[in-house]
């Protein structure tokens, strides 16, 4: 478990605790199409993801809170390498808050946090090739396509590619 505790403007990014699992499930259900294999996320699945994060020293799983209300989640991992890097596995923001610059603010503040606190300059994410909106979001946030992993996903018997995107963060491009 790698704790993230970050506050900016009226938003808090806080590590998920066991007591947050049911409120997270309710939040995700309310969003409507946060699906796993075409079905609403199950409580057991969410709890398993929590346990994976909890026992791993390099994973972060954080709730995004505004006015004491969960408005999103961000999950990823720190990879200890030379140089160290962060992979953002997922970010999910309340549908009603999208296209208002909040997602961009969250990404920039999370990257700044890892850069300033831990000196991490290399950030990655992976997105399904057909997820054009997600790819657009990452590109808008200065991530560049690094490579394509062919046939990475198998969904309903169909092989799909993963687009890997990267952003370098340094003193010269702090937003």
N, C-alpha and C. Protein backbone atom coordinates (compact mmCIF):
# COMPACT_ATOMS: atom_id res chain seq x y z
N UNK A 1 0.85 -1.17 0.00
CA UNK A 1 0.00 0.00 0.00
C UNK A 1 0.89 1.24 0.00
N UNK A 2 0.66 2.07 -0.96
CA UNK A 2 1.40 3.32 -1.07
C UNK A 2 0.39 4.43 -0.86
N UNK A 3 0.52 5.14 0.24
CA UNK A 3 -0.49 6.14 0.60
C UNK A 3 -0.34 7.42 -0.21
N UNK A 4 -1.47 7.91 -0.65
CA UNK A 4 -1.53 9.21 -1.31
C UNK A 4 -2.50 10.06 -0.51
N UNK A 5 -2.02 11.19 -0.03
CA UNK A 5 -2.84 12.13 0.74
C UNK A 5 -2.54 13.51 0.18
N UNK A 6 -3.48 14.03 -0.58
CA UNK A 6 -3.23 15.23 -1.36
C UNK A 6 -4.47 16.12 -1.32
N UNK A 7 -4.25 17.41 -1.12
CA UNK A 7 -5.37 18.37 -1.10
C UNK A 7 -5.01 19.55 -1.98
N UNK A 8 -5.95 19.97 -2.81
CA UNK A 8 -5.80 21.16 -3.64
C UNK A 8 -7.19 21.69 -3.95
N UNK A 9 -7.27 23.01 -4.03
CA UNK A 9 -8.57 23.66 -4.23
C UNK A 9 -9.57 23.07 -3.23
N UNK A 10 -10.68 22.54 -3.70
CA UNK A 10 -11.65 21.92 -2.80
C UNK A 10 -11.71 20.40 -3.00
N UNK A 11 -10.60 19.84 -3.49
CA UNK A 11 -10.53 18.40 -3.78
C UNK A 11 -9.50 17.75 -2.88
N UNK A 12 -9.85 16.55 -2.40
CA UNK A 12 -8.92 15.73 -1.62
C UNK A 12 -8.74 14.40 -2.34
N UNK A 13 -7.53 13.92 -2.39
CA UNK A 13 -7.23 12.59 -2.91
C UNK A 13 -6.66 11.82 -1.73
N UNK A 14 -7.40 10.81 -1.29
CA UNK A 14 -7.08 10.10 -0.06
C UNK A 14 -7.05 8.60 -0.31
N UNK A 15 -6.13 7.92 0.34
CA UNK A 15 -6.04 6.47 0.20
C UNK A 15 -7.35 5.81 0.64
N UNK A 16 -7.76 4.81 -0.13
CA UNK A 16 -8.97 4.06 0.19
C UNK A 16 -8.71 3.21 1.42
N UNK A 17 -9.67 3.21 2.32
CA UNK A 17 -9.65 2.37 3.51
C UNK A 17 -10.78 1.35 3.39
N UNK A 18 -10.73 0.32 4.22
CA UNK A 18 -11.75 -0.73 4.16
C UNK A 18 -13.16 -0.15 4.27
N UNK A 19 -13.33 0.84 5.13
CA UNK A 19 -14.66 1.44 5.33
C UNK A 19 -15.18 2.17 4.09
N UNK A 20 -14.31 2.41 3.11
CA UNK A 20 -14.70 3.11 1.89
C UNK A 20 -15.25 2.19 0.81
N UNK A 21 -15.12 0.88 0.96
CA UNK A 21 -15.49 -0.05 -0.11
C UNK A 21 -16.97 0.06 -0.48
N UNK A 22 -17.86 0.04 0.50
CA UNK A 22 -19.29 0.13 0.18
C UNK A 22 -19.64 1.50 -0.41
N UNK A 23 -19.18 2.63 0.16
CA UNK A 23 -19.45 3.91 -0.51
C UNK A 23 -18.89 3.98 -1.93
N UNK A 24 -17.73 3.36 -2.18
CA UNK A 24 -17.19 3.33 -3.54
C UNK A 24 -18.09 2.51 -4.47
N UNK A 25 -18.58 1.39 -3.96
CA UNK A 25 -19.49 0.55 -4.76
C UNK A 25 -20.74 1.34 -5.12
N UNK A 26 -21.31 2.04 -4.15
CA UNK A 26 -22.51 2.85 -4.40
C UNK A 26 -22.21 3.93 -5.44
N UNK A 27 -21.07 4.60 -5.29
CA UNK A 27 -20.68 5.63 -6.25
C UNK A 27 -20.57 5.05 -7.66
N UNK A 28 -19.87 3.92 -7.80
CA UNK A 28 -19.67 3.32 -9.12
C UNK A 28 -20.99 2.83 -9.71
N UNK A 29 -21.87 2.26 -8.87
CA UNK A 29 -23.19 1.82 -9.35
C UNK A 29 -24.00 3.01 -9.86
N UNK A 30 -23.93 4.12 -9.16
CA UNK A 30 -24.67 5.32 -9.53
C UNK A 30 -24.22 5.86 -10.89
N UNK A 31 -22.96 5.61 -11.23
CA UNK A 31 -22.42 6.10 -12.50
C UNK A 31 -23.00 5.33 -13.69
N UNK A 32 -23.55 4.15 -13.44
CA UNK A 32 -24.29 3.45 -14.48
C UNK A 32 -23.50 2.51 -15.36
N UNK A 33 -22.45 2.96 -16.00
CA UNK A 33 -21.79 2.05 -16.94
C UNK A 33 -20.34 1.73 -16.56
N UNK A 34 -20.04 1.78 -15.28
CA UNK A 34 -18.75 1.28 -14.83
C UNK A 34 -18.92 -0.23 -14.70
N UNK A 35 -18.55 -0.94 -15.75
CA UNK A 35 -18.85 -2.36 -15.86
C UNK A 35 -17.58 -3.20 -15.93
N UNK A 36 -17.69 -4.42 -15.43
CA UNK A 36 -16.65 -5.42 -15.58
C UNK A 36 -17.30 -6.58 -16.33
N UNK A 37 -16.77 -6.91 -17.49
CA UNK A 37 -17.35 -7.96 -18.34
C UNK A 37 -18.84 -7.71 -18.61
N UNK A 38 -19.20 -6.46 -18.82
CA UNK A 38 -20.56 -6.11 -19.18
C UNK A 38 -21.55 -6.07 -18.03
N UNK A 39 -21.08 -6.26 -16.81
CA UNK A 39 -21.97 -6.26 -15.65
C UNK A 39 -21.49 -5.23 -14.63
N UNK A 40 -22.44 -4.72 -13.82
CA UNK A 40 -22.02 -3.79 -12.75
C UNK A 40 -20.96 -4.44 -11.86
N UNK A 41 -20.06 -3.63 -11.39
CA UNK A 41 -18.97 -4.13 -10.54
C UNK A 41 -19.55 -4.77 -9.29
N UNK A 42 -19.01 -5.91 -8.93
CA UNK A 42 -19.48 -6.63 -7.74
C UNK A 42 -18.66 -6.18 -6.53
N UNK A 43 -19.30 -6.20 -5.38
CA UNK A 43 -18.63 -5.81 -4.14
C UNK A 43 -17.39 -6.67 -3.91
N UNK A 44 -17.48 -7.97 -4.20
CA UNK A 44 -16.35 -8.88 -4.00
C UNK A 44 -15.16 -8.47 -4.87
N UNK A 45 -15.45 -8.08 -6.11
CA UNK A 45 -14.40 -7.65 -7.03
C UNK A 45 -13.70 -6.40 -6.49
N UNK A 46 -14.49 -5.45 -6.05
CA UNK A 46 -13.93 -4.21 -5.51
C UNK A 46 -13.10 -4.49 -4.25
N UNK A 47 -13.59 -5.39 -3.41
CA UNK A 47 -12.86 -5.74 -2.19
C UNK A 47 -11.54 -6.44 -2.54
N UNK A 48 -11.55 -7.31 -3.55
CA UNK A 48 -10.31 -7.97 -3.98
C UNK A 48 -9.29 -6.94 -4.47
N UNK A 49 -9.74 -5.93 -5.23
CA UNK A 49 -8.83 -4.88 -5.69
C UNK A 49 -8.27 -4.12 -4.50
N UNK A 50 -9.11 -3.87 -3.49
CA UNK A 50 -8.65 -3.20 -2.28
C UNK A 50 -7.57 -4.04 -1.58
N UNK A 51 -7.81 -5.34 -1.43
CA UNK A 51 -6.83 -6.21 -0.77
C UNK A 51 -5.52 -6.27 -1.54
N UNK A 52 -5.59 -6.33 -2.86
CA UNK A 52 -4.36 -6.33 -3.67
C UNK A 52 -3.54 -5.08 -3.39
N UNK A 53 -4.22 -3.95 -3.36
CA UNK A 53 -3.55 -2.68 -3.08
C UNK A 53 -3.02 -2.66 -1.64
N UNK A 54 -3.81 -3.15 -0.72
CA UNK A 54 -3.47 -3.07 0.70
C UNK A 54 -2.20 -3.86 1.03
N UNK A 55 -2.02 -5.01 0.39
CA UNK A 55 -0.85 -5.84 0.70
C UNK A 55 0.36 -5.52 -0.17
N UNK A 56 0.18 -4.69 -1.17
CA UNK A 56 1.29 -4.31 -2.04
C UNK A 56 1.91 -3.01 -1.55
N UNK A 57 3.21 -2.98 -1.42
CA UNK A 57 3.85 -1.77 -0.90
C UNK A 57 3.95 -0.66 -1.94
N UNK A 58 3.70 -0.96 -3.21
CA UNK A 58 3.90 0.06 -4.24
C UNK A 58 2.63 0.44 -5.00
N UNK A 59 1.47 -0.06 -4.59
CA UNK A 59 0.23 0.31 -5.27
C UNK A 59 -0.50 1.40 -4.51
N UNK A 60 -1.16 2.27 -5.27
CA UNK A 60 -2.03 3.26 -4.64
C UNK A 60 -3.45 3.09 -5.19
N UNK A 61 -4.41 3.30 -4.32
CA UNK A 61 -5.83 3.20 -4.65
C UNK A 61 -6.48 4.31 -3.85
N UNK A 62 -6.89 5.35 -4.53
CA UNK A 62 -7.33 6.56 -3.84
C UNK A 62 -8.72 6.98 -4.27
N UNK A 63 -9.46 7.50 -3.30
CA UNK A 63 -10.76 8.09 -3.60
C UNK A 63 -10.52 9.58 -3.83
N UNK A 64 -11.32 10.14 -4.70
CA UNK A 64 -11.27 11.58 -4.98
C UNK A 64 -12.52 12.16 -4.36
N UNK A 65 -12.33 13.12 -3.45
CA UNK A 65 -13.43 13.64 -2.64
C UNK A 65 -13.56 15.14 -2.83
N UNK A 66 -14.80 15.59 -2.95
CA UNK A 66 -15.10 17.02 -3.01
C UNK A 66 -16.32 17.26 -2.12
N UNK A 67 -16.20 18.21 -1.20
CA UNK A 67 -17.29 18.51 -0.26
C UNK A 67 -17.78 17.25 0.46
N UNK A 68 -16.84 16.43 0.93
CA UNK A 68 -17.13 15.20 1.66
C UNK A 68 -17.89 14.16 0.85
N UNK A 69 -17.87 14.26 -0.46
CA UNK A 69 -18.56 13.32 -1.34
C UNK A 69 -17.56 12.71 -2.31
N UNK A 70 -17.61 11.39 -2.48
CA UNK A 70 -16.73 10.73 -3.44
C UNK A 70 -17.15 11.15 -4.84
N UNK A 71 -16.18 11.66 -5.60
CA UNK A 71 -16.45 12.07 -6.98
C UNK A 71 -15.60 11.28 -7.97
N UNK A 72 -14.76 10.37 -7.46
CA UNK A 72 -13.94 9.59 -8.38
C UNK A 72 -12.95 8.70 -7.66
N UNK A 73 -12.20 7.98 -8.46
CA UNK A 73 -11.13 7.12 -7.95
C UNK A 73 -9.93 7.23 -8.89
N UNK A 74 -8.77 6.96 -8.34
CA UNK A 74 -7.55 6.84 -9.14
C UNK A 74 -6.74 5.70 -8.55
N UNK A 75 -6.24 4.84 -9.42
CA UNK A 75 -5.52 3.66 -8.98
C UNK A 75 -4.28 3.50 -9.84
N UNK A 76 -3.19 3.07 -9.22
CA UNK A 76 -1.96 2.87 -9.98
C UNK A 76 -0.88 2.24 -9.13
N UNK A 77 0.34 2.32 -9.64
CA UNK A 77 1.46 1.72 -8.90
C UNK A 77 2.75 2.49 -9.18
N UNK A 78 3.59 2.46 -8.20
CA UNK A 78 4.93 3.01 -8.30
C UNK A 78 5.84 1.84 -8.64
N UNK A 79 6.68 1.99 -9.65
CA UNK A 79 7.63 0.95 -9.99
C UNK A 79 9.03 1.45 -9.65
N UNK A 80 9.68 0.70 -8.78
CA UNK A 80 11.03 1.04 -8.35
C UNK A 80 12.00 0.53 -9.41
N UNK A 81 12.50 1.45 -10.19
CA UNK A 81 13.43 1.14 -11.27
C UNK A 81 14.47 2.25 -11.29
N UNK A 82 15.29 2.24 -12.29
CA UNK A 82 16.22 3.34 -12.47
C UNK A 82 15.99 3.91 -13.86
N UNK A 83 15.21 4.95 -14.02
CA UNK A 83 14.57 5.77 -12.98
C UNK A 83 13.22 5.19 -12.55
N UNK A 84 12.77 5.62 -11.37
CA UNK A 84 11.47 5.20 -10.87
C UNK A 84 10.37 5.75 -11.78
N UNK A 85 9.22 5.06 -11.79
CA UNK A 85 8.11 5.50 -12.63
C UNK A 85 6.78 5.19 -11.95
N UNK A 86 5.75 5.88 -12.40
CA UNK A 86 4.40 5.64 -11.91
C UNK A 86 3.53 5.24 -13.09
N UNK A 87 2.76 4.18 -12.89
CA UNK A 87 1.75 3.74 -13.85
C UNK A 87 0.39 4.06 -13.27
N UNK A 88 -0.41 4.80 -14.01
CA UNK A 88 -1.79 5.08 -13.60
C UNK A 88 -2.66 4.04 -14.29
N UNK A 89 -3.20 3.13 -13.49
CA UNK A 89 -4.01 2.05 -14.04
C UNK A 89 -5.40 2.51 -14.43
N UNK A 90 -5.96 3.40 -13.61
CA UNK A 90 -7.29 3.91 -13.94
C UNK A 90 -7.57 5.20 -13.18
N UNK A 91 -8.36 6.02 -13.82
CA UNK A 91 -8.92 7.20 -13.18
C UNK A 91 -10.37 7.24 -13.63
N UNK A 92 -11.24 7.48 -12.69
CA UNK A 92 -12.67 7.53 -13.00
C UNK A 92 -13.26 8.71 -12.26
N UNK A 93 -13.93 9.58 -12.99
CA UNK A 93 -14.51 10.80 -12.43
C UNK A 93 -16.00 10.81 -12.69
N UNK A 94 -16.77 11.28 -11.71
CA UNK A 94 -18.22 11.41 -11.83
C UNK A 94 -18.58 12.02 -13.19
N UNK A 95 -19.53 11.40 -13.87
CA UNK A 95 -19.93 11.88 -15.20
C UNK A 95 -20.36 13.35 -15.19
N UNK A 96 -21.01 13.78 -14.13
CA UNK A 96 -21.50 15.15 -14.06
C UNK A 96 -20.38 16.18 -13.91
N UNK A 97 -19.17 15.72 -13.63
CA UNK A 97 -18.05 16.64 -13.41
C UNK A 97 -17.02 16.61 -14.55
N UNK A 98 -17.32 15.85 -15.57
CA UNK A 98 -16.38 15.74 -16.69
C UNK A 98 -16.47 16.97 -17.59
N UNK A 99 -15.41 17.17 -18.34
CA UNK A 99 -15.31 18.29 -19.30
C UNK A 99 -15.39 19.65 -18.62
N UNK A 100 -14.92 19.71 -17.37
CA UNK A 100 -14.87 20.96 -16.62
C UNK A 100 -13.45 21.29 -16.17
N UNK A 101 -12.48 20.47 -16.59
CA UNK A 101 -11.09 20.69 -16.20
C UNK A 101 -10.71 20.02 -14.89
N UNK A 102 -11.67 19.35 -14.25
CA UNK A 102 -11.39 18.71 -12.96
C UNK A 102 -10.45 17.52 -13.14
N UNK A 103 -10.69 16.69 -14.15
CA UNK A 103 -9.81 15.55 -14.41
C UNK A 103 -8.39 15.99 -14.70
N UNK A 104 -8.24 17.04 -15.48
CA UNK A 104 -6.91 17.59 -15.78
C UNK A 104 -6.25 18.10 -14.51
N UNK A 105 -6.99 18.78 -13.68
CA UNK A 105 -6.45 19.28 -12.41
C UNK A 105 -5.99 18.12 -11.52
N UNK A 106 -6.79 17.07 -11.48
CA UNK A 106 -6.44 15.89 -10.67
C UNK A 106 -5.14 15.27 -11.19
N UNK A 107 -5.08 15.02 -12.49
CA UNK A 107 -3.87 14.41 -13.08
C UNK A 107 -2.65 15.28 -12.81
N UNK A 108 -2.75 16.57 -13.07
CA UNK A 108 -1.60 17.45 -12.87
C UNK A 108 -1.15 17.49 -11.42
N UNK A 109 -2.08 17.51 -10.49
CA UNK A 109 -1.71 17.54 -9.08
C UNK A 109 -1.15 16.22 -8.60
N UNK A 110 -1.65 15.11 -9.10
CA UNK A 110 -1.09 13.80 -8.74
C UNK A 110 0.33 13.68 -9.28
N UNK A 111 0.55 14.05 -10.54
CA UNK A 111 1.89 13.99 -11.11
C UNK A 111 2.84 14.92 -10.37
N UNK A 112 2.39 16.12 -10.08
CA UNK A 112 3.22 17.07 -9.33
C UNK A 112 3.58 16.49 -7.96
N UNK A 113 2.62 15.86 -7.29
CA UNK A 113 2.86 15.25 -5.98
C UNK A 113 3.98 14.21 -6.07
N UNK A 114 3.88 13.29 -7.03
CA UNK A 114 4.91 12.26 -7.17
C UNK A 114 6.25 12.86 -7.57
N UNK A 115 6.24 13.89 -8.37
CA UNK A 115 7.47 14.54 -8.78
C UNK A 115 8.13 15.26 -7.61
N UNK A 116 7.36 16.08 -6.90
CA UNK A 116 7.94 16.88 -5.81
C UNK A 116 8.29 16.05 -4.58
N UNK A 117 7.47 15.05 -4.27
CA UNK A 117 7.72 14.25 -3.06
C UNK A 117 8.71 13.12 -3.27
N UNK A 118 8.74 12.55 -4.48
CA UNK A 118 9.54 11.35 -4.71
C UNK A 118 10.49 11.46 -5.90
N UNK A 119 10.50 12.60 -6.57
CA UNK A 119 11.41 12.81 -7.69
C UNK A 119 11.07 12.01 -8.94
N UNK A 120 9.84 11.55 -9.06
CA UNK A 120 9.45 10.74 -10.20
C UNK A 120 9.11 11.64 -11.38
N UNK A 121 9.71 11.32 -12.52
CA UNK A 121 9.52 12.13 -13.73
C UNK A 121 8.79 11.39 -14.84
N UNK A 122 8.68 10.07 -14.75
CA UNK A 122 8.12 9.27 -15.84
C UNK A 122 6.79 8.67 -15.42
N UNK A 123 5.75 8.99 -16.19
CA UNK A 123 4.39 8.56 -15.88
C UNK A 123 3.80 7.86 -17.10
N UNK A 124 3.12 6.74 -16.85
CA UNK A 124 2.57 5.92 -17.92
C UNK A 124 1.12 5.56 -17.63
N UNK A 125 0.42 5.23 -18.70
CA UNK A 125 -0.91 4.64 -18.57
C UNK A 125 -1.14 3.77 -19.79
N UNK A 126 -2.07 2.83 -19.66
CA UNK A 126 -2.44 1.98 -20.78
C UNK A 126 -3.94 2.07 -21.01
N UNK A 127 -4.33 2.16 -22.27
CA UNK A 127 -5.73 2.34 -22.63
C UNK A 127 -6.07 1.42 -23.81
N UNK A 128 -7.25 0.83 -23.77
CA UNK A 128 -7.70 0.02 -24.88
C UNK A 128 -7.77 0.88 -26.15
N UNK A 129 -7.25 0.34 -27.23
CA UNK A 129 -7.12 1.10 -28.48
C UNK A 129 -8.44 1.71 -28.95
N UNK A 130 -9.54 1.04 -28.72
CA UNK A 130 -10.82 1.57 -29.21
C UNK A 130 -11.44 2.61 -28.26
N UNK A 131 -10.77 2.90 -27.15
CA UNK A 131 -11.27 3.89 -26.17
C UNK A 131 -10.81 5.29 -26.56
N UNK A 132 -11.39 5.81 -27.62
CA UNK A 132 -10.94 7.08 -28.19
C UNK A 132 -11.09 8.26 -27.23
N UNK A 133 -12.14 8.26 -26.43
CA UNK A 133 -12.33 9.36 -25.47
C UNK A 133 -11.22 9.35 -24.42
N UNK A 134 -10.88 8.15 -23.92
CA UNK A 134 -9.82 8.05 -22.92
C UNK A 134 -8.47 8.44 -23.51
N UNK A 135 -8.20 7.99 -24.72
CA UNK A 135 -6.94 8.35 -25.37
C UNK A 135 -6.87 9.87 -25.54
N UNK A 136 -7.99 10.47 -25.94
CA UNK A 136 -8.05 11.92 -26.09
C UNK A 136 -7.79 12.64 -24.78
N UNK A 137 -8.34 12.11 -23.68
CA UNK A 137 -8.11 12.70 -22.36
C UNK A 137 -6.62 12.70 -22.03
N UNK A 138 -5.97 11.56 -22.22
CA UNK A 138 -4.55 11.47 -21.88
C UNK A 138 -3.71 12.37 -22.79
N UNK A 139 -4.03 12.40 -24.07
CA UNK A 139 -3.28 13.27 -24.98
C UNK A 139 -3.45 14.74 -24.60
N UNK A 140 -4.67 15.11 -24.23
CA UNK A 140 -4.94 16.49 -23.81
C UNK A 140 -4.09 16.84 -22.58
N UNK A 141 -3.76 15.83 -21.79
CA UNK A 141 -2.97 16.03 -20.58
C UNK A 141 -1.49 15.74 -20.80
N UNK A 142 -1.04 15.94 -22.04
CA UNK A 142 0.37 15.90 -22.42
C UNK A 142 1.00 14.51 -22.40
N UNK A 143 0.19 13.47 -22.40
CA UNK A 143 0.72 12.12 -22.56
C UNK A 143 0.85 11.85 -24.06
N UNK A 144 1.92 11.17 -24.42
CA UNK A 144 2.19 10.85 -25.82
C UNK A 144 2.17 9.33 -25.98
N UNK A 145 1.70 8.89 -27.14
CA UNK A 145 1.69 7.45 -27.40
C UNK A 145 3.14 6.97 -27.49
N UNK A 146 3.43 5.96 -26.68
CA UNK A 146 4.77 5.39 -26.63
C UNK A 146 4.87 4.14 -27.50
N UNK A 147 3.88 3.26 -27.34
CA UNK A 147 3.87 2.02 -28.12
C UNK A 147 2.48 1.38 -28.07
N UNK A 148 2.33 0.36 -28.87
CA UNK A 148 1.08 -0.41 -28.90
C UNK A 148 1.42 -1.85 -28.54
N UNK A 149 0.71 -2.39 -27.56
CA UNK A 149 0.85 -3.80 -27.21
C UNK A 149 -0.25 -4.56 -27.95
N UNK A 150 0.15 -5.31 -28.95
CA UNK A 150 -0.81 -6.03 -29.79
C UNK A 150 -1.52 -7.13 -29.00
N UNK A 151 -2.81 -7.25 -29.24
CA UNK A 151 -3.64 -8.32 -28.68
C UNK A 151 -3.50 -8.45 -27.17
N UNK A 152 -3.37 -7.34 -26.48
CA UNK A 152 -3.19 -7.35 -25.02
C UNK A 152 -4.46 -7.80 -24.30
N UNK A 153 -5.61 -7.34 -24.78
CA UNK A 153 -6.89 -7.67 -24.15
C UNK A 153 -7.58 -8.77 -24.95
N UNK A 154 -8.33 -9.61 -24.25
CA UNK A 154 -9.21 -10.57 -24.90
C UNK A 154 -10.59 -10.36 -24.30
N UNK A 155 -11.46 -9.72 -25.07
CA UNK A 155 -12.80 -9.41 -24.59
C UNK A 155 -13.80 -10.13 -25.47
N UNK A 156 -14.53 -11.04 -24.84
CA UNK A 156 -15.52 -11.85 -25.54
C UNK A 156 -14.91 -12.52 -26.77
N UNK A 157 -13.70 -13.06 -26.60
CA UNK A 157 -13.02 -13.77 -27.67
C UNK A 157 -12.37 -12.90 -28.72
N UNK A 158 -12.42 -11.59 -28.54
CA UNK A 158 -11.83 -10.67 -29.52
C UNK A 158 -10.55 -10.07 -28.94
N UNK A 159 -9.47 -10.18 -29.70
CA UNK A 159 -8.18 -9.61 -29.29
C UNK A 159 -8.17 -8.11 -29.59
N UNK A 160 -7.78 -7.32 -28.59
CA UNK A 160 -7.73 -5.87 -28.75
C UNK A 160 -6.38 -5.35 -28.28
N UNK A 161 -5.91 -4.31 -28.93
CA UNK A 161 -4.61 -3.72 -28.61
C UNK A 161 -4.71 -2.75 -27.43
N UNK A 162 -3.59 -2.59 -26.74
CA UNK A 162 -3.48 -1.59 -25.69
C UNK A 162 -2.51 -0.51 -26.17
N UNK A 163 -2.93 0.74 -26.01
CA UNK A 163 -2.08 1.89 -26.31
C UNK A 163 -1.40 2.29 -25.01
N UNK A 164 -0.08 2.35 -25.01
CA UNK A 164 0.67 2.80 -23.84
C UNK A 164 1.10 4.23 -24.08
N UNK A 165 0.74 5.09 -23.14
CA UNK A 165 1.06 6.52 -23.24
C UNK A 165 2.01 6.90 -22.11
N UNK A 166 2.83 7.91 -22.38
CA UNK A 166 3.84 8.35 -21.41
C UNK A 166 3.87 9.87 -21.35
N UNK A 167 4.13 10.36 -20.15
CA UNK A 167 4.39 11.79 -19.96
C UNK A 167 5.62 11.94 -19.08
N UNK A 168 6.54 12.77 -19.51
CA UNK A 168 7.68 13.14 -18.67
C UNK A 168 7.34 14.42 -17.95
N UNK A 169 7.70 14.48 -16.70
CA UNK A 169 7.38 15.62 -15.84
C UNK A 169 8.69 16.12 -15.26
N UNK A 170 8.92 17.42 -15.33
CA UNK A 170 10.17 17.96 -14.79
C UNK A 170 9.93 19.38 -14.29
N UNK A 171 10.96 19.97 -13.73
CA UNK A 171 10.85 21.35 -13.22
C UNK A 171 10.38 22.30 -14.32
N UNK A 172 10.78 22.04 -15.54
CA UNK A 172 10.45 22.97 -16.63
C UNK A 172 9.00 22.89 -17.09
N UNK A 173 8.28 21.81 -16.73
CA UNK A 173 6.90 21.72 -17.20
C UNK A 173 5.89 21.54 -16.07
N UNK A 174 6.22 21.98 -14.87
CA UNK A 174 5.26 21.95 -13.78
C UNK A 174 4.14 22.93 -14.10
N UNK A 175 2.92 22.45 -13.98
CA UNK A 175 1.76 23.29 -14.32
C UNK A 175 1.24 23.95 -13.07
